[in-house]
């Protein structure tokens, strides 16, 4: 039984391959959810019906990968929430999770599948419950560059940059300053990572 009043996922960024999408479908149907899907040359869309609500998950095809486009979910079904969280961890995705319970708000920021920061907000009081320490040394960076991970990460970065540029273009067209600033900040992070990998 879930212990929250409401849970909200926003800024969800997920990159899946075809196997992971079919694994996601299998996890959902195993929990009794009704899943219908449609695939085109550009998109893979899922319609997921739980006991309490319906969600649409839309993935944009980029090369051999699929990027989740819908980025905001208000979730009532605990099983759907657990599955979404599991795949964010497995796919090393990003998200901001807001948990409302008893007048209190917990905000969890997830990057690359790991909790980066957890903040508790109660009225005007704001407390950082957890913050991941940044302990990366120059030696760590050099070692990372020697791994095959770096070679695999570069094409992923290119895809992420393209996707964020799409988001920025759409935000500017819709005069969405909040989303535009988020996209700009994310592009700056990606550029920094690309510079490190190209050293």
Protein backbone atom coordinates (compact mmCIF):
# COMPACT_ATOMS: atom_id res chain seq x y z
CA UNK A 1 0.00 0.00 0.00
CA UNK A 2 1.46 3.37 -1.01
CA UNK A 3 2.10 5.99 1.65
CA UNK A 4 1.84 9.16 -0.43
CA UNK A 5 -1.14 11.37 -1.29
CA UNK A 6 0.16 12.24 -4.73
CA UNK A 7 3.32 11.64 -6.74
CA UNK A 8 4.46 13.63 -9.72
CA UNK A 9 7.23 12.95 -12.23
CA UNK A 10 8.55 15.83 -14.31
CA UNK A 11 11.53 16.53 -16.60
CA UNK A 12 11.62 12.82 -17.43
CA UNK A 13 14.35 11.99 -19.95
CA UNK A 14 14.67 8.36 -21.00
CA UNK A 15 16.55 6.68 -23.84
CA UNK A 16 15.44 3.12 -24.61
CA UNK A 17 16.37 0.53 -27.17
CA UNK A 18 13.69 -1.74 -28.67
CA UNK A 19 14.37 -4.52 -26.16
CA UNK A 20 13.82 -2.13 -23.22
CA UNK A 21 10.51 -0.93 -24.65
CA UNK A 22 9.24 -4.51 -24.95
CA UNK A 23 10.54 -5.20 -21.44
CA UNK A 24 8.58 -2.16 -20.20
CA UNK A 25 5.43 -3.54 -21.85
CA UNK A 26 6.02 -6.95 -20.25
CA UNK A 27 6.45 -5.42 -16.77
CA UNK A 28 3.21 -3.45 -17.12
CA UNK A 29 1.10 -6.34 -18.42
CA UNK A 30 2.48 -8.54 -15.62
CA UNK A 31 0.97 -6.02 -13.16
CA UNK A 32 -2.44 -6.31 -14.82
CA UNK A 33 -2.24 -3.07 -16.81
CA UNK A 34 -3.76 -2.90 -20.27
CA UNK A 35 -1.17 -1.81 -22.82
CA UNK A 36 -1.81 -0.92 -26.45
CA UNK A 37 0.93 0.33 -28.75
CA UNK A 38 1.43 1.86 -32.15
CA UNK A 39 4.69 2.07 -34.06
CA UNK A 40 5.53 4.37 -36.98
CA UNK A 41 8.79 5.28 -38.67
CA UNK A 42 9.20 8.19 -36.22
CA UNK A 43 7.41 7.22 -33.02
CA UNK A 44 6.57 4.33 -30.72
CA UNK A 45 3.54 5.18 -28.57
CA UNK A 46 2.06 3.25 -25.66
CA UNK A 47 -1.39 3.67 -24.14
CA UNK A 48 -1.30 2.29 -20.59
CA UNK A 49 -4.51 1.81 -18.61
CA UNK A 50 -4.27 1.14 -14.88
CA UNK A 51 -7.08 0.68 -12.35
CA UNK A 52 -7.20 4.42 -11.71
CA UNK A 53 -5.99 6.28 -14.80
CA UNK A 54 -4.56 6.15 -18.31
CA UNK A 55 -1.12 7.28 -19.44
CA UNK A 56 0.34 7.83 -22.89
CA UNK A 57 4.04 7.20 -23.29
CA UNK A 58 5.46 8.51 -26.54
CA UNK A 59 8.96 7.62 -27.70
CA UNK A 60 10.63 9.39 -30.59
CA UNK A 61 12.84 7.19 -32.74
CA UNK A 62 16.38 8.58 -33.10
CA UNK A 63 18.61 6.13 -34.93
CA UNK A 64 18.36 2.82 -33.09
CA UNK A 65 17.25 4.50 -29.85
CA UNK A 66 13.90 5.79 -28.60
CA UNK A 67 13.57 8.97 -26.53
CA UNK A 68 10.56 9.44 -24.27
CA UNK A 69 8.83 12.67 -25.27
CA UNK A 70 6.12 13.10 -22.63
CA UNK A 71 7.92 14.43 -19.61
CA UNK A 72 5.29 15.09 -16.95
CA UNK A 73 3.15 12.55 -15.11
CA UNK A 74 0.75 12.81 -12.16
CA UNK A 75 0.59 9.23 -10.91
CA UNK A 76 -2.07 7.56 -8.77
CA UNK A 77 -1.23 3.91 -9.40
CA UNK A 78 1.69 2.70 -7.20
CA UNK A 79 2.55 -0.17 -9.56
CA UNK A 80 2.88 2.17 -12.53
CA UNK A 81 5.06 4.46 -10.42
CA UNK A 82 7.33 1.60 -9.34
CA UNK A 83 7.80 0.46 -12.94
CA UNK A 84 8.58 3.98 -14.17
CA UNK A 85 11.10 4.47 -11.36
CA UNK A 86 12.70 1.07 -12.08
CA UNK A 87 13.22 1.90 -15.74
CA UNK A 88 14.61 5.35 -14.94
CA UNK A 89 17.21 3.57 -12.82
CA UNK A 90 17.90 0.84 -15.38
CA UNK A 91 18.16 3.21 -18.36
CA UNK A 92 20.17 5.75 -16.35
CA UNK A 93 17.56 8.38 -17.05
CA UNK A 94 16.78 11.75 -15.50
CA UNK A 95 13.70 12.90 -13.59
CA UNK A 96 12.39 15.14 -10.83
CA UNK A 97 10.06 13.24 -8.48
CA UNK A 98 7.71 15.18 -6.18
CA UNK A 99 6.01 13.19 -3.42
CA UNK A 100 3.15 14.88 -1.55
CA UNK A 101 2.25 13.30 1.79
CA UNK A 102 0.50 14.75 4.83
CA UNK A 103 1.07 18.36 3.80
CA UNK A 104 4.76 17.69 3.26
CA UNK A 105 6.63 17.69 -0.06
CA UNK A 106 9.69 15.59 -0.87
CA UNK A 107 11.57 16.48 -4.05
CA UNK A 108 14.01 13.93 -5.44
CA UNK A 109 16.28 14.85 -8.34
CA UNK A 110 17.50 11.83 -10.33
CA UNK A 111 20.35 12.02 -12.81
CA UNK A 112 21.76 9.08 -14.70
CA UNK A 113 19.51 6.76 -12.72
CA UNK A 114 20.76 7.85 -9.29
CA UNK A 115 19.36 10.20 -6.68
CA UNK A 116 21.41 13.38 -6.82
CA UNK A 117 19.48 15.38 -4.24
CA UNK A 118 16.48 14.92 -1.94
CA UNK A 119 14.79 17.98 -0.43
CA UNK A 120 12.02 18.01 2.19
CA UNK A 121 9.67 21.01 2.13
CA UNK A 122 7.16 21.64 4.91
CA UNK A 123 5.48 25.03 4.68
CA UNK A 124 8.27 27.62 4.57
CA UNK A 125 10.85 25.15 5.89
CA UNK A 126 13.23 23.59 3.37
CA UNK A 127 15.69 20.86 4.35
CA UNK A 128 18.23 19.05 2.19
CA UNK A 129 17.89 15.43 3.29
CA UNK A 130 20.46 14.03 0.88
CA UNK A 131 22.95 15.45 -1.58
CA UNK A 132 25.32 13.34 -3.62
CA UNK A 133 28.89 14.41 -3.12
CA UNK A 134 30.90 15.27 -6.19
CA UNK A 135 34.10 13.32 -5.73
CA UNK A 136 35.36 13.08 -9.30
CA UNK A 137 39.08 13.73 -9.61
CA UNK A 138 41.10 14.44 -12.74
CA UNK A 139 42.46 10.91 -12.48
CA UNK A 140 38.89 9.56 -12.52
CA UNK A 141 38.22 11.52 -15.70
CA UNK A 142 41.35 10.16 -17.38
CA UNK A 143 40.43 6.59 -16.41
CA UNK A 144 36.90 7.06 -17.70
CA UNK A 145 38.23 8.25 -21.02
CA UNK A 146 40.20 5.05 -21.40
CA UNK A 147 37.09 2.89 -21.09
CA UNK A 148 34.84 1.89 -23.94
CA UNK A 149 32.05 3.68 -22.11
CA UNK A 150 33.42 6.95 -23.48
CA UNK A 151 33.20 5.68 -27.05
CA UNK A 152 29.61 4.58 -26.48
CA UNK A 153 28.67 7.80 -24.70
CA UNK A 154 29.70 10.16 -27.52
CA UNK A 155 26.92 9.12 -29.97
CA UNK A 156 24.43 9.20 -27.09
CA UNK A 157 25.55 12.75 -26.29
CA UNK A 158 25.02 13.79 -29.90
CA UNK A 159 21.48 12.38 -29.75
CA UNK A 160 20.78 14.15 -26.45
CA UNK A 161 22.07 17.46 -27.84
CA UNK A 162 19.80 17.10 -30.90
CA UNK A 163 16.82 16.30 -28.69
CA UNK A 164 17.48 19.24 -26.36
CA UNK A 165 17.85 21.56 -29.36
CA UNK A 166 14.41 20.36 -30.50
CA UNK A 167 13.03 21.09 -27.02
CA UNK A 168 14.63 24.55 -27.01
CA UNK A 169 13.26 25.36 -30.45
CA UNK A 170 9.76 24.27 -29.41
CA UNK A 171 9.97 26.21 -26.12
CA UNK A 172 11.05 29.38 -27.92
CA UNK A 173 8.24 28.96 -30.46
CA UNK A 174 5.71 28.57 -27.62
CA UNK A 175 7.32 31.37 -25.55
CA UNK A 176 7.90 28.91 -22.69
CA UNK A 177 10.75 30.65 -20.86
CA UNK A 178 10.99 28.06 -18.07
CA UNK A 179 11.48 25.18 -20.50
CA UNK A 180 13.83 27.27 -22.65
CA UNK A 181 16.08 28.03 -19.67
CA UNK A 182 16.07 24.37 -18.65
CA UNK A 183 17.05 23.31 -22.17
CA UNK A 184 19.83 25.91 -22.30
CA UNK A 185 21.22 24.73 -18.96
CA UNK A 186 21.10 21.10 -20.08
CA UNK A 187 22.83 21.96 -23.37
CA UNK A 188 25.61 23.66 -21.41
CA UNK A 189 26.07 20.49 -19.32
CA UNK A 190 26.15 18.30 -22.43
CA UNK A 191 28.67 20.58 -24.12
CA UNK A 192 30.92 20.38 -21.05
CA UNK A 193 30.69 16.58 -21.06
CA UNK A 194 31.49 16.46 -24.78
CA UNK A 195 34.57 18.61 -24.24
CA UNK A 196 35.76 16.20 -21.53
CA UNK A 197 35.24 13.17 -23.76
CA UNK A 198 37.02 14.79 -26.68
CA UNK A 199 40.16 15.66 -24.66
